[in-house]
């Protein structure tokens, strides 16, 4: 873990995805999704769609600066989907993705959810994400919700 992650204050809280200081996060997230995933297999929600009564959008800030984001989208029947999880490249390697995922899981449990699911890519650029989810206890599953089988997607779920 980098020293900065230990000494700089961190916050992880619900915020509006429309906040102006989140522009860089959304630009980088979109660029990463489009870098090696065919357009028909990109399941990222538009920024405006993250403003919904069914979605809790979280921002991870280090010393007040946004360095990560994630969302929980409630699906009904006790489930939710992890959406838009992203940490800026220059902030990676400090355990921030794991911190965000752990807090999302804790939030889901406190909210009475029974399971979390997610969709991620099969491309090499998603290897670290798939490993993070597997280490947190997520296991591969069939498509859920409105997803259909997609050779570019991996679907995972975690029983809470």
N, C-alpha and C. Protein backbone atom coordinates (compact mmCIF):
# COMPACT_ATOMS: atom_id res chain seq x y z
N UNK A 1 0.86 -1.18 0.00
CA UNK A 1 0.00 0.00 0.00
C UNK A 1 0.90 1.24 0.00
N UNK A 2 0.59 2.17 -0.82
CA UNK A 2 1.35 3.42 -0.87
C UNK A 2 1.15 4.20 0.42
N UNK A 3 2.18 4.91 0.83
CA UNK A 3 2.11 5.70 2.06
C UNK A 3 0.99 6.73 2.00
N UNK A 4 0.75 7.31 0.83
CA UNK A 4 -0.29 8.34 0.71
C UNK A 4 -1.65 7.80 1.12
N UNK A 5 -1.91 6.53 0.81
CA UNK A 5 -3.21 5.95 1.15
C UNK A 5 -3.37 5.84 2.66
N UNK A 6 -2.27 5.72 3.37
CA UNK A 6 -2.32 5.56 4.82
C UNK A 6 -2.47 6.91 5.51
N UNK A 7 -1.80 7.93 4.99
CA UNK A 7 -1.73 9.19 5.72
C UNK A 7 -2.76 10.23 5.26
N UNK A 8 -3.27 10.13 4.05
CA UNK A 8 -4.23 11.12 3.57
C UNK A 8 -5.64 10.71 3.97
N UNK A 9 -6.46 11.67 4.43
CA UNK A 9 -7.81 11.33 4.85
C UNK A 9 -8.67 10.85 3.68
N UNK A 10 -9.43 9.78 3.94
CA UNK A 10 -10.33 9.20 2.95
C UNK A 10 -11.77 9.36 3.40
N UNK A 11 -12.66 9.60 2.44
CA UNK A 11 -14.09 9.58 2.72
C UNK A 11 -14.77 8.80 1.60
N UNK A 12 -15.85 8.13 1.92
CA UNK A 12 -16.63 7.37 0.96
C UNK A 12 -18.09 7.62 1.31
N UNK A 13 -18.77 8.40 0.48
CA UNK A 13 -20.11 8.84 0.83
C UNK A 13 -20.99 8.95 -0.40
N UNK A 14 -22.30 8.92 -0.17
CA UNK A 14 -23.27 9.12 -1.24
C UNK A 14 -23.20 10.57 -1.69
N UNK A 15 -23.10 10.75 -2.99
CA UNK A 15 -23.06 12.09 -3.59
C UNK A 15 -23.85 12.06 -4.89
N UNK A 16 -24.01 13.21 -5.49
CA UNK A 16 -24.64 13.29 -6.80
C UNK A 16 -23.62 12.95 -7.88
N UNK A 17 -23.97 12.08 -8.83
CA UNK A 17 -23.05 11.81 -9.94
C UNK A 17 -22.89 13.01 -10.87
N UNK A 18 -23.70 14.03 -10.68
CA UNK A 18 -23.64 15.21 -11.55
C UNK A 18 -22.70 16.29 -11.05
N UNK A 19 -22.07 16.08 -9.90
CA UNK A 19 -21.14 17.07 -9.35
C UNK A 19 -20.02 17.34 -10.37
N UNK A 20 -19.70 18.61 -10.55
CA UNK A 20 -18.72 19.00 -11.57
C UNK A 20 -17.33 18.43 -11.32
N UNK A 21 -16.96 18.25 -10.06
CA UNK A 21 -15.60 17.77 -9.81
C UNK A 21 -15.45 16.26 -10.06
N UNK A 22 -16.49 15.62 -10.58
CA UNK A 22 -16.43 14.20 -10.93
C UNK A 22 -16.19 13.99 -12.43
N UNK A 23 -16.05 15.08 -13.19
CA UNK A 23 -15.88 14.96 -14.64
C UNK A 23 -14.74 14.03 -15.02
N UNK A 24 -13.58 14.17 -14.37
CA UNK A 24 -12.43 13.35 -14.72
C UNK A 24 -12.70 11.87 -14.46
N UNK A 25 -13.35 11.56 -13.34
CA UNK A 25 -13.69 10.16 -13.06
C UNK A 25 -14.55 9.57 -14.17
N UNK A 26 -15.57 10.29 -14.58
CA UNK A 26 -16.47 9.77 -15.62
C UNK A 26 -15.76 9.69 -16.98
N UNK A 27 -14.91 10.66 -17.29
CA UNK A 27 -14.17 10.62 -18.56
C UNK A 27 -13.25 9.40 -18.60
N UNK A 28 -12.54 9.17 -17.52
CA UNK A 28 -11.61 8.03 -17.48
C UNK A 28 -12.36 6.71 -17.48
N UNK A 29 -13.46 6.64 -16.75
CA UNK A 29 -14.26 5.41 -16.71
C UNK A 29 -14.76 5.08 -18.11
N UNK A 30 -15.30 6.05 -18.79
CA UNK A 30 -15.81 5.85 -20.14
C UNK A 30 -14.67 5.44 -21.09
N UNK A 31 -13.54 6.12 -21.01
CA UNK A 31 -12.40 5.78 -21.87
C UNK A 31 -11.94 4.35 -21.63
N UNK A 32 -11.87 3.94 -20.36
CA UNK A 32 -11.46 2.56 -20.05
C UNK A 32 -12.45 1.55 -20.60
N UNK A 33 -13.73 1.85 -20.48
CA UNK A 33 -14.75 0.91 -20.98
C UNK A 33 -14.68 0.77 -22.50
N UNK A 34 -14.40 1.87 -23.18
CA UNK A 34 -14.36 1.85 -24.65
C UNK A 34 -13.01 1.41 -25.21
N UNK A 35 -12.00 1.28 -24.36
CA UNK A 35 -10.65 0.97 -24.84
C UNK A 35 -10.56 -0.38 -25.54
N UNK A 36 -11.20 -1.40 -24.98
CA UNK A 36 -11.07 -2.73 -25.58
C UNK A 36 -12.35 -3.56 -25.51
N UNK A 37 -13.48 -2.90 -25.31
CA UNK A 37 -14.76 -3.60 -25.25
C UNK A 37 -15.62 -3.15 -26.43
N UNK A 38 -16.18 -4.10 -27.19
CA UNK A 38 -17.06 -3.71 -28.28
C UNK A 38 -18.24 -2.89 -27.75
N UNK A 39 -18.66 -1.87 -28.47
CA UNK A 39 -19.73 -0.99 -28.00
C UNK A 39 -20.99 -1.73 -27.54
N UNK A 40 -21.36 -2.80 -28.23
CA UNK A 40 -22.58 -3.52 -27.86
C UNK A 40 -22.44 -4.28 -26.54
N UNK A 41 -21.22 -4.39 -26.03
CA UNK A 41 -20.98 -5.10 -24.77
C UNK A 41 -20.65 -4.17 -23.62
N UNK A 42 -20.77 -2.87 -23.83
CA UNK A 42 -20.53 -1.90 -22.75
C UNK A 42 -21.85 -1.66 -22.04
N UNK A 43 -21.88 -2.01 -20.77
CA UNK A 43 -23.13 -1.93 -19.99
C UNK A 43 -23.08 -0.81 -18.95
N UNK A 44 -22.19 0.14 -19.16
CA UNK A 44 -22.04 1.28 -18.26
C UNK A 44 -23.27 2.18 -18.40
N UNK A 45 -23.77 2.65 -17.28
CA UNK A 45 -24.91 3.57 -17.31
C UNK A 45 -24.42 4.99 -17.63
N UNK A 46 -25.17 5.73 -18.43
CA UNK A 46 -24.82 7.14 -18.61
C UNK A 46 -24.87 7.85 -17.26
N UNK A 47 -24.05 8.85 -17.11
CA UNK A 47 -23.93 9.58 -15.85
C UNK A 47 -25.30 10.02 -15.33
N UNK A 48 -26.13 10.57 -16.19
CA UNK A 48 -27.45 11.07 -15.79
C UNK A 48 -28.35 9.94 -15.28
N UNK A 49 -28.16 8.73 -15.81
CA UNK A 49 -28.99 7.60 -15.40
C UNK A 49 -28.65 7.13 -13.99
N UNK A 50 -27.49 7.54 -13.47
CA UNK A 50 -27.11 7.19 -12.10
C UNK A 50 -27.87 8.03 -11.07
N UNK A 51 -28.60 9.03 -11.55
CA UNK A 51 -29.48 9.81 -10.68
C UNK A 51 -30.83 9.11 -10.72
N UNK A 52 -31.08 8.28 -9.71
CA UNK A 52 -32.29 7.46 -9.68
C UNK A 52 -32.59 7.08 -8.23
N UNK A 53 -33.87 6.97 -7.90
CA UNK A 53 -34.21 6.53 -6.54
C UNK A 53 -33.75 5.10 -6.26
N UNK A 54 -33.45 4.33 -7.33
CA UNK A 54 -33.00 2.94 -7.17
C UNK A 54 -31.49 2.81 -7.09
N UNK A 55 -30.78 3.94 -7.16
CA UNK A 55 -29.32 3.89 -7.20
C UNK A 55 -28.73 4.77 -6.10
N UNK A 56 -27.79 4.19 -5.35
CA UNK A 56 -26.97 4.96 -4.42
C UNK A 56 -25.60 5.10 -5.08
N UNK A 57 -25.20 6.34 -5.34
CA UNK A 57 -23.94 6.64 -6.00
C UNK A 57 -22.95 7.14 -4.96
N UNK A 58 -21.79 6.51 -4.89
CA UNK A 58 -20.78 6.82 -3.88
C UNK A 58 -19.52 7.40 -4.53
N UNK A 59 -18.88 8.31 -3.82
CA UNK A 59 -17.62 8.89 -4.27
C UNK A 59 -16.58 8.65 -3.18
N UNK A 60 -15.42 8.17 -3.60
CA UNK A 60 -14.28 8.02 -2.71
C UNK A 60 -13.39 9.24 -2.91
N UNK A 61 -13.14 9.95 -1.82
CA UNK A 61 -12.30 11.14 -1.88
C UNK A 61 -11.07 10.93 -1.01
N UNK A 62 -9.94 11.37 -1.53
CA UNK A 62 -8.69 11.35 -0.77
C UNK A 62 -8.27 12.80 -0.63
N UNK A 63 -8.20 13.26 0.60
CA UNK A 63 -7.91 14.68 0.89
C UNK A 63 -8.87 15.59 0.14
N UNK A 64 -10.13 15.19 0.05
CA UNK A 64 -11.17 16.00 -0.58
C UNK A 64 -11.27 15.85 -2.08
N UNK A 65 -10.28 15.22 -2.71
CA UNK A 65 -10.26 15.07 -4.17
C UNK A 65 -10.89 13.74 -4.57
N UNK A 66 -11.83 13.75 -5.54
CA UNK A 66 -12.45 12.48 -5.95
C UNK A 66 -11.44 11.59 -6.67
N UNK A 67 -11.27 10.36 -6.17
CA UNK A 67 -10.35 9.41 -6.79
C UNK A 67 -11.04 8.10 -7.17
N UNK A 68 -12.28 7.92 -6.73
CA UNK A 68 -13.00 6.69 -7.05
C UNK A 68 -14.49 6.89 -6.96
N UNK A 69 -15.22 5.98 -7.62
CA UNK A 69 -16.68 6.03 -7.58
C UNK A 69 -17.22 4.62 -7.72
N UNK A 70 -18.44 4.44 -7.25
CA UNK A 70 -19.14 3.16 -7.36
C UNK A 70 -20.61 3.42 -7.08
N UNK A 71 -21.44 2.49 -7.51
CA UNK A 71 -22.88 2.64 -7.28
C UNK A 71 -23.49 1.29 -6.95
N UNK A 72 -24.58 1.34 -6.19
CA UNK A 72 -25.41 0.17 -5.94
C UNK A 72 -26.77 0.45 -6.58
N UNK A 73 -27.17 -0.41 -7.49
CA UNK A 73 -28.46 -0.30 -8.16
C UNK A 73 -29.36 -1.43 -7.64
N UNK A 74 -30.40 -1.06 -6.92
CA UNK A 74 -31.32 -2.05 -6.38
C UNK A 74 -32.11 -2.70 -7.52
N UNK A 75 -32.18 -4.04 -7.48
CA UNK A 75 -32.83 -4.80 -8.54
C UNK A 75 -34.15 -5.42 -8.10
N UNK A 76 -34.45 -5.37 -6.83
CA UNK A 76 -35.65 -6.04 -6.32
C UNK A 76 -35.30 -7.43 -5.83
N UNK A 77 -36.24 -8.06 -5.15
CA UNK A 77 -36.06 -9.41 -4.61
C UNK A 77 -34.79 -9.54 -3.77
N UNK A 78 -34.43 -8.46 -3.06
CA UNK A 78 -33.30 -8.50 -2.14
C UNK A 78 -31.94 -8.33 -2.78
N UNK A 79 -31.91 -8.02 -4.06
CA UNK A 79 -30.63 -7.92 -4.74
C UNK A 79 -30.30 -6.52 -5.22
N UNK A 80 -29.02 -6.31 -5.46
CA UNK A 80 -28.54 -5.06 -6.04
C UNK A 80 -27.36 -5.39 -6.94
N UNK A 81 -27.07 -4.45 -7.84
CA UNK A 81 -25.95 -4.60 -8.75
C UNK A 81 -24.90 -3.55 -8.44
N UNK A 82 -23.64 -3.96 -8.45
CA UNK A 82 -22.52 -3.03 -8.34
C UNK A 82 -22.31 -2.43 -9.73
N UNK A 83 -22.38 -1.09 -9.82
CA UNK A 83 -22.24 -0.38 -11.10
C UNK A 83 -21.14 0.67 -10.99
N UNK A 84 -20.57 1.00 -12.13
CA UNK A 84 -19.67 2.16 -12.29
C UNK A 84 -18.52 2.21 -11.30
N UNK A 85 -17.97 1.05 -10.93
CA UNK A 85 -16.86 1.06 -10.00
C UNK A 85 -15.60 1.43 -10.76
N UNK A 86 -14.94 2.50 -10.30
CA UNK A 86 -13.74 2.99 -10.98
C UNK A 86 -12.86 3.76 -10.00
N UNK A 87 -11.56 3.53 -10.10
CA UNK A 87 -10.56 4.29 -9.36
C UNK A 87 -9.61 4.88 -10.40
N UNK A 88 -9.28 6.15 -10.25
CA UNK A 88 -8.34 6.80 -11.17
C UNK A 88 -7.03 6.01 -11.22
N UNK A 89 -6.46 5.89 -12.42
CA UNK A 89 -5.24 5.11 -12.62
C UNK A 89 -4.13 5.54 -11.67
N UNK A 90 -3.97 6.84 -11.45
CA UNK A 90 -2.88 7.32 -10.60
C UNK A 90 -3.12 7.03 -9.12
N UNK A 91 -4.31 6.59 -8.76
CA UNK A 91 -4.61 6.25 -7.36
C UNK A 91 -4.64 4.73 -7.14
N UNK A 92 -4.44 3.96 -8.20
CA UNK A 92 -4.49 2.50 -8.08
C UNK A 92 -3.26 1.96 -7.38
N UNK A 93 -3.40 0.77 -6.83
CA UNK A 93 -2.30 0.11 -6.16
C UNK A 93 -2.22 0.41 -4.68
N UNK A 94 -3.19 1.17 -4.18
CA UNK A 94 -3.19 1.55 -2.76
C UNK A 94 -4.33 0.87 -1.99
N UNK A 95 -5.00 -0.09 -2.61
CA UNK A 95 -6.08 -0.80 -1.93
C UNK A 95 -7.41 -0.06 -1.93
N UNK A 96 -7.54 0.99 -2.74
CA UNK A 96 -8.76 1.79 -2.72
C UNK A 96 -9.95 1.05 -3.34
N UNK A 97 -9.71 0.24 -4.36
CA UNK A 97 -10.81 -0.53 -4.95
C UNK A 97 -11.37 -1.51 -3.93
N UNK A 98 -10.50 -2.17 -3.18
CA UNK A 98 -10.96 -3.11 -2.16
C UNK A 98 -11.71 -2.37 -1.06
N UNK A 99 -11.21 -1.22 -0.68
CA UNK A 99 -11.89 -0.41 0.34
C UNK A 99 -13.31 -0.06 -0.12
N UNK A 100 -13.43 0.40 -1.37
CA UNK A 100 -14.76 0.75 -1.89
C UNK A 100 -15.66 -0.47 -1.94
N UNK A 101 -15.14 -1.59 -2.43
CA UNK A 101 -15.97 -2.80 -2.52
C UNK A 101 -16.42 -3.26 -1.14
N UNK A 102 -15.51 -3.24 -0.18
CA UNK A 102 -15.88 -3.63 1.19
C UNK A 102 -16.98 -2.72 1.74
N UNK A 103 -16.87 -1.44 1.48
CA UNK A 103 -17.90 -0.51 1.98
C UNK A 103 -19.22 -0.70 1.26
N UNK A 104 -19.18 -1.02 -0.04
CA UNK A 104 -20.43 -1.31 -0.76
C UNK A 104 -21.10 -2.56 -0.19
N UNK A 105 -20.31 -3.58 0.09
CA UNK A 105 -20.85 -4.81 0.67
C UNK A 105 -21.45 -4.53 2.04
N UNK A 106 -20.74 -3.75 2.86
CA UNK A 106 -21.27 -3.38 4.19
C UNK A 106 -22.57 -2.61 4.05
N UNK A 107 -22.62 -1.67 3.13
CA UNK A 107 -23.84 -0.88 2.90
C UNK A 107 -24.99 -1.78 2.47
N UNK A 108 -24.71 -2.72 1.59
CA UNK A 108 -25.74 -3.64 1.12
C UNK A 108 -26.29 -4.47 2.28
N UNK A 109 -25.40 -4.95 3.12
CA UNK A 109 -25.84 -5.74 4.29
C UNK A 109 -26.69 -4.89 5.23
N UNK A 110 -26.22 -3.67 5.51
CA UNK A 110 -26.98 -2.78 6.40
C UNK A 110 -28.35 -2.44 5.82
N UNK A 111 -28.45 -2.44 4.50
CA UNK A 111 -29.72 -2.12 3.83
C UNK A 111 -30.64 -3.33 3.75
N UNK A 112 -30.20 -4.47 4.24
CA UNK A 112 -31.03 -5.67 4.24
C UNK A 112 -31.02 -6.44 2.93
N UNK A 113 -30.09 -6.13 2.05
CA UNK A 113 -30.01 -6.87 0.79
C UNK A 113 -29.49 -8.28 1.06
N UNK A 114 -29.86 -9.22 0.21
CA UNK A 114 -29.45 -10.61 0.39
C UNK A 114 -28.36 -11.04 -0.58
N UNK A 115 -28.19 -10.28 -1.67
CA UNK A 115 -27.12 -10.62 -2.61
C UNK A 115 -26.76 -9.41 -3.48
N UNK A 116 -25.50 -9.42 -3.91
CA UNK A 116 -24.99 -8.42 -4.84
C UNK A 116 -24.55 -9.14 -6.10
N UNK A 117 -24.79 -8.53 -7.24
CA UNK A 117 -24.34 -9.09 -8.51
C UNK A 117 -23.62 -8.00 -9.29
N UNK A 118 -22.89 -8.42 -10.31
CA UNK A 118 -22.19 -7.45 -11.15
C UNK A 118 -21.89 -8.07 -12.50
N UNK A 119 -21.62 -7.18 -13.44
CA UNK A 119 -21.18 -7.56 -14.78
C UNK A 119 -19.84 -6.88 -14.98
N UNK A 120 -18.87 -7.64 -15.48
CA UNK A 120 -17.57 -7.07 -15.80
C UNK A 120 -17.08 -7.69 -17.10
N UNK A 121 -15.97 -7.22 -17.60
CA UNK A 121 -15.49 -7.68 -18.89
C UNK A 121 -14.60 -8.91 -18.83
N UNK A 122 -14.45 -9.57 -19.97
CA UNK A 122 -13.56 -10.72 -20.10
C UNK A 122 -12.17 -10.31 -20.59
N UNK A 123 -12.05 -9.08 -21.07
CA UNK A 123 -10.80 -8.61 -21.66
C UNK A 123 -9.68 -8.57 -20.61
N UNK A 124 -8.43 -8.63 -21.07
CA UNK A 124 -7.29 -8.56 -20.12
C UNK A 124 -7.32 -7.34 -19.21
N UNK A 125 -7.87 -6.23 -19.68
CA UNK A 125 -7.91 -5.03 -18.84
C UNK A 125 -8.81 -5.20 -17.62
N UNK A 126 -9.62 -6.26 -17.58
CA UNK A 126 -10.52 -6.50 -16.45
C UNK A 126 -10.01 -7.60 -15.51
N UNK A 127 -8.81 -8.12 -15.75
CA UNK A 127 -8.27 -9.20 -14.92
C UNK A 127 -8.20 -8.77 -13.45
N UNK A 128 -7.68 -7.58 -13.19
CA UNK A 128 -7.56 -7.12 -11.80
C UNK A 128 -8.94 -6.99 -11.15
N UNK A 129 -9.92 -6.47 -11.88
CA UNK A 129 -11.27 -6.33 -11.32
C UNK A 129 -11.87 -7.70 -11.00
N UNK A 130 -11.73 -8.63 -11.93
CA UNK A 130 -12.28 -9.97 -11.68
C UNK A 130 -11.61 -10.61 -10.47
N UNK A 131 -10.30 -10.41 -10.32
CA UNK A 131 -9.59 -10.94 -9.15
C UNK A 131 -10.07 -10.30 -7.86
N UNK A 132 -10.28 -8.99 -7.89
CA UNK A 132 -10.79 -8.27 -6.72
C UNK A 132 -12.14 -8.85 -6.29
N UNK A 133 -13.04 -9.02 -7.25
CA UNK A 133 -14.37 -9.53 -6.93
C UNK A 133 -14.29 -10.96 -6.41
N UNK A 134 -13.46 -11.79 -7.03
CA UNK A 134 -13.33 -13.18 -6.58
C UNK A 134 -12.78 -13.24 -5.15
N UNK A 135 -11.76 -12.42 -4.86
CA UNK A 135 -11.19 -12.41 -3.50
C UNK A 135 -12.22 -11.94 -2.46
N UNK A 136 -13.18 -11.13 -2.89
CA UNK A 136 -14.23 -10.65 -1.97
C UNK A 136 -15.36 -11.68 -1.82
N UNK A 137 -15.27 -12.79 -2.55
CA UNK A 137 -16.28 -13.84 -2.41
C UNK A 137 -17.28 -13.93 -3.54
N UNK A 138 -17.18 -13.07 -4.54
CA UNK A 138 -18.08 -13.15 -5.69
C UNK A 138 -17.73 -14.38 -6.50
N UNK A 139 -18.74 -15.05 -7.03
CA UNK A 139 -18.55 -16.23 -7.88
C UNK A 139 -19.29 -16.00 -9.20
N UNK A 140 -18.77 -16.61 -10.25
CA UNK A 140 -19.43 -16.47 -11.55
C UNK A 140 -20.83 -17.04 -11.49
N UNK A 141 -21.72 -16.41 -12.24
CA UNK A 141 -23.13 -16.81 -12.27
C UNK A 141 -23.68 -16.54 -13.67
N UNK A 142 -24.89 -17.01 -13.95
CA UNK A 142 -25.51 -16.68 -15.23
C UNK A 142 -25.91 -15.21 -15.28
N UNK A 143 -26.22 -14.71 -16.46
CA UNK A 143 -26.71 -13.33 -16.55
C UNK A 143 -27.91 -13.13 -15.62
N UNK A 144 -28.04 -11.93 -15.10
CA UNK A 144 -29.11 -11.60 -14.16
C UNK A 144 -29.84 -10.36 -14.67
N UNK A 145 -30.98 -10.06 -14.07
CA UNK A 145 -31.74 -8.86 -14.45
C UNK A 145 -32.03 -8.86 -15.93
N UNK A 146 -31.75 -7.74 -16.58
CA UNK A 146 -32.03 -7.62 -18.02
C UNK A 146 -30.84 -8.03 -18.89
N UNK A 147 -29.76 -8.50 -18.29
CA UNK A 147 -28.60 -8.94 -19.06
C UNK A 147 -28.92 -10.22 -19.82
N UNK A 148 -28.26 -10.38 -20.94
CA UNK A 148 -28.33 -11.59 -21.75
C UNK A 148 -26.91 -12.14 -21.88
N UNK A 149 -26.78 -13.41 -22.24
CA UNK A 149 -25.42 -13.94 -22.44
C UNK A 149 -24.64 -13.05 -23.41
N UNK A 150 -23.37 -12.82 -23.08
CA UNK A 150 -22.52 -11.94 -23.88
C UNK A 150 -21.10 -12.50 -23.78
N UNK A 151 -20.48 -12.84 -24.90
CA UNK A 151 -19.13 -13.41 -24.84
C UNK A 151 -18.09 -12.45 -24.28
N UNK A 152 -18.42 -11.17 -24.16
CA UNK A 152 -17.50 -10.18 -23.61
C UNK A 152 -17.77 -9.86 -22.15
N UNK A 153 -18.73 -10.56 -21.55
CA UNK A 153 -19.11 -10.29 -20.16
C UNK A 153 -18.90 -11.49 -19.25
N UNK A 154 -18.56 -11.19 -18.01
CA UNK A 154 -18.54 -12.16 -16.93
C UNK A 154 -19.54 -11.64 -15.90
N UNK A 155 -20.42 -12.50 -15.44
CA UNK A 155 -21.42 -12.14 -14.43
C UNK A 155 -21.01 -12.83 -13.13
N UNK A 156 -21.11 -12.08 -12.03
CA UNK A 156 -20.70 -12.60 -10.73
C UNK A 156 -21.73 -12.21 -9.68
N UNK A 157 -21.80 -13.01 -8.61
CA UNK A 157 -22.74 -12.72 -7.54
C UNK A 157 -22.12 -13.09 -6.19
N UNK A 158 -22.63 -12.46 -5.16
CA UNK A 158 -22.19 -12.68 -3.79
C UNK A 158 -23.42 -12.75 -2.90
N UNK A 159 -23.57 -13.88 -2.19
CA UNK A 159 -24.65 -13.98 -1.20
C UNK A 159 -24.22 -13.24 0.05
N UNK A 160 -25.14 -12.39 0.55
CA UNK A 160 -24.85 -11.62 1.76
C UNK A 160 -25.45 -12.36 2.93
